[in-house]
Amino acid sequence: MRPKRFISVDPGVSGTGYAIWSRTNRIIDFGIIAPPSTIKEFEARVMNIERRLRNVVRTYKVEKSYIEFPAFYQGFGGQVTARSGALVKLAFTVGILYGALPECHLVPVSSWKGSLPKEIVIQRIRKILPKTDWMDFKEHVWDACGIGLHVQGRF
C-alpha cells in the first residue's frame, strides 16, 4: 500500500531541499532547510537541519522517506571534493538524516539522474509538473523533486 505522504530529500550541509508528496503524487509542500549563519560548527549545523526536517515530517505526518545517496565521481572535480572533506561531511549528513526520518530509503544519484546537468533535470521536471507546482522552486528543491518523481516512476 502506498504511504499517505512521503518526503524526498536532497541533503546538503549548507542547505537541504525537501518535497512532501501526497498519495496522489501531488506536491504538498517543499523548501530548503539551511542552518543560521550564526551556527559555525559542522556537527551543530547538521543537527539543526535534522531537527527542523523532523519537525516538517511530524507536521505533515510523513510515513516514508527517500534521501539521495551521494556518489563519488573519479574526475578532477570529484577528487577535489574528496580531498576537501566535503564528501565525508555529506555522507555524515545523510547518515544523520537517515536515522531521523521514517522508513527511510536511499536513492543513489546514478539511479535517478546519473550525470545529467542541473539544467536538464530542471527542464524535465518542468515538463512533468504543472507550473504552479514548480514556479517557486530554488536550489536543492529541484533535486528533491526529481528524487520524488523518480520514486513515483515519473522521471
Protein backbone atom coordinates (compact mmCIF):
# COMPACT_ATOMS: atom_id res chain seq x y z
CA MET A 1 0.00 0.00 0.00
CA ARG A 2 1.27 3.45 -0.86
CA PRO A 3 2.03 5.77 2.03
CA LYS A 4 -0.38 8.66 2.58
CA ARG A 5 2.58 11.01 2.39
CA PHE A 6 6.26 10.73 1.66
CA ILE A 7 9.22 13.08 1.65
CA SER A 8 12.05 13.23 -0.87
CA VAL A 9 15.28 14.85 0.32
CA ASP A 10 18.33 16.35 -1.37
CA PRO A 11 20.79 16.53 1.53
CA GLY A 12 23.37 19.25 1.94
CA VAL A 13 25.31 20.86 4.75
CA SER A 14 24.64 24.41 3.57
CA GLY A 15 21.04 23.63 2.63
CA THR A 16 18.85 20.54 2.45
CA GLY A 17 15.98 20.53 -0.04
CA TYR A 18 12.79 18.58 0.52
CA ALA A 19 9.45 17.91 -1.15
CA ILE A 20 6.39 16.45 0.58
CA TRP A 21 4.19 14.29 -1.66
CA SER A 22 0.60 13.06 -1.28
CA ARG A 23 -0.65 9.57 -2.08
CA THR A 24 -1.93 11.01 -5.38
CA ASN A 25 1.63 12.14 -6.26
CA ARG A 26 0.95 15.84 -5.77
CA ILE A 27 3.43 18.15 -4.07
CA ILE A 28 2.00 19.32 -0.76
CA ASP A 29 4.98 21.39 0.38
CA PHE A 30 8.63 21.98 -0.40
CA GLY A 31 11.50 24.01 0.91
CA ILE A 32 15.13 24.37 1.81
CA ILE A 33 16.35 24.00 5.36
CA ALA A 34 19.53 25.95 5.91
CA PRO A 35 21.10 26.42 9.32
CA PRO A 36 21.51 30.01 10.51
CA SER A 37 24.87 31.57 9.69
CA THR A 38 25.45 32.03 13.41
CA ILE A 39 25.93 28.25 13.73
CA LYS A 40 29.56 27.68 12.74
CA GLU A 41 30.36 24.12 13.87
CA PHE A 42 29.70 21.48 11.24
CA GLU A 43 28.03 19.00 13.60
CA ALA A 44 25.74 21.68 15.04
CA ARG A 45 24.73 22.74 11.52
CA VAL A 46 23.77 19.17 10.61
CA MET A 47 21.83 18.70 13.85
CA ASN A 48 19.94 21.94 13.17
CA ILE A 49 18.92 20.64 9.75
CA GLU A 50 17.96 17.26 11.22
CA ARG A 51 15.79 18.80 13.97
CA ARG A 52 13.98 21.11 11.56
CA LEU A 53 13.42 18.35 8.98
CA ARG A 54 11.96 16.09 11.70
CA ASN A 55 9.52 18.93 12.52
CA VAL A 56 8.44 19.08 8.86
CA VAL A 57 7.94 15.29 8.85
CA ARG A 58 5.84 15.48 12.04
CA THR A 59 3.77 18.39 10.75
CA TYR A 60 2.82 16.55 7.56
CA LYS A 61 2.58 13.07 9.12
CA VAL A 62 5.07 11.67 6.60
CA GLU A 63 5.17 7.85 6.57
CA LYS A 64 8.07 7.15 4.20
CA SER A 65 11.30 8.93 3.24
CA TYR A 66 13.61 8.90 0.24
CA ILE A 67 17.01 10.55 0.53
CA GLU A 68 19.62 10.99 -2.15
CA PHE A 69 22.67 8.79 -1.63
CA PRO A 70 25.79 10.68 -2.71
CA ALA A 71 28.21 9.33 -5.27
CA PHE A 72 31.91 9.85 -5.80
CA TYR A 73 33.00 10.62 -9.34
CA GLN A 74 36.58 9.96 -10.42
CA GLY A 75 37.05 13.17 -12.40
CA PHE A 76 39.06 16.17 -11.28
CA GLY A 77 36.05 17.78 -9.55
CA GLY A 78 35.33 14.58 -7.63
CA GLN A 79 38.91 14.36 -6.42
CA VAL A 80 38.91 17.98 -5.29
CA THR A 81 35.64 17.39 -3.44
CA ALA A 82 37.01 14.25 -1.78
CA ARG A 83 40.22 15.99 -0.69
CA SER A 84 38.30 18.93 0.76
CA GLY A 85 36.36 16.63 3.10
CA ALA A 86 33.03 17.69 1.59
CA LEU A 87 32.11 14.13 0.62
CA VAL A 88 32.70 12.86 4.16
CA LYS A 89 30.59 15.72 5.54
CA LEU A 90 27.80 14.92 3.08
CA ALA A 91 27.94 11.21 4.00
CA PHE A 92 27.72 12.17 7.69
CA THR A 93 24.70 14.38 6.94
CA VAL A 94 22.98 11.57 5.03
CA GLY A 95 23.60 9.19 7.94
CA ILE A 96 22.11 11.57 10.49
CA LEU A 97 19.05 12.24 8.33
CA TYR A 98 18.64 8.55 7.51
CA GLY A 99 18.43 7.78 11.22
CA ALA A 100 15.92 10.57 11.86
CA LEU A 101 13.41 10.07 9.03
CA PRO A 102 10.60 7.49 8.97
CA GLU A 103 11.03 4.33 6.89
CA CYS A 104 13.97 5.81 5.03
CA HIS A 105 15.27 4.58 1.67
CA LEU A 106 18.46 5.70 -0.05
CA VAL A 107 18.20 6.73 -3.70
CA PRO A 108 21.60 6.60 -5.45
CA VAL A 109 22.37 9.55 -7.71
CA SER A 110 23.13 7.06 -10.51
CA SER A 111 19.62 5.58 -10.34
CA TRP A 112 17.65 8.79 -10.69
CA LYS A 113 19.73 11.32 -12.64
CA GLY A 114 23.15 9.87 -13.34
CA SER A 115 25.39 12.64 -14.58
CA LEU A 116 22.63 14.85 -16.01
CA PRO A 117 23.40 18.55 -15.65
CA LYS A 118 21.14 20.55 -13.33
CA GLU A 119 19.63 22.40 -16.31
CA ILE A 120 18.38 19.14 -17.86
CA VAL A 121 16.95 17.97 -14.53
CA ILE A 122 15.06 21.26 -14.23
CA GLN A 123 13.77 21.03 -17.84
CA ARG A 124 12.44 17.51 -17.24
CA ILE A 125 10.70 18.49 -14.00
CA ARG A 126 9.09 21.48 -15.73
CA LYS A 127 7.68 19.16 -18.41
CA ILE A 128 6.22 16.74 -15.83
CA LEU A 129 4.72 19.05 -13.21
CA PRO A 130 2.30 21.94 -13.61
CA LYS A 131 3.92 25.37 -13.41
CA THR A 132 2.04 26.14 -10.21
CA ASP A 133 3.98 23.33 -8.51
CA TRP A 134 7.49 24.46 -9.54
CA MET A 135 7.36 28.21 -10.08
CA ASP A 136 8.87 28.92 -6.63
CA PHE A 137 11.50 26.15 -6.59
CA LYS A 138 15.05 27.09 -5.65
CA GLU A 139 18.39 25.26 -5.47
CA HIS A 140 18.09 21.90 -3.68
CA VAL A 141 14.31 21.70 -4.12
CA TRP A 142 14.77 20.81 -7.80
CA ASP A 143 16.74 17.66 -6.92
CA ALA A 144 14.39 16.79 -4.05
CA CYS A 145 11.53 16.98 -6.54
CA GLY A 146 13.44 14.90 -9.11
CA ILE A 147 14.04 12.21 -6.48
CA GLY A 148 10.33 12.17 -5.63
CA LEU A 149 9.37 11.90 -9.28
CA HIS A 150 11.88 9.07 -9.75
CA VAL A 151 10.39 7.16 -6.81
CA GLN A 152 6.98 7.50 -8.49
CA GLY A 153 8.41 6.22 -11.79
CA ARG A 154 7.78 9.58 -13.48
CA PHE A 155 11.35 10.88 -14.00
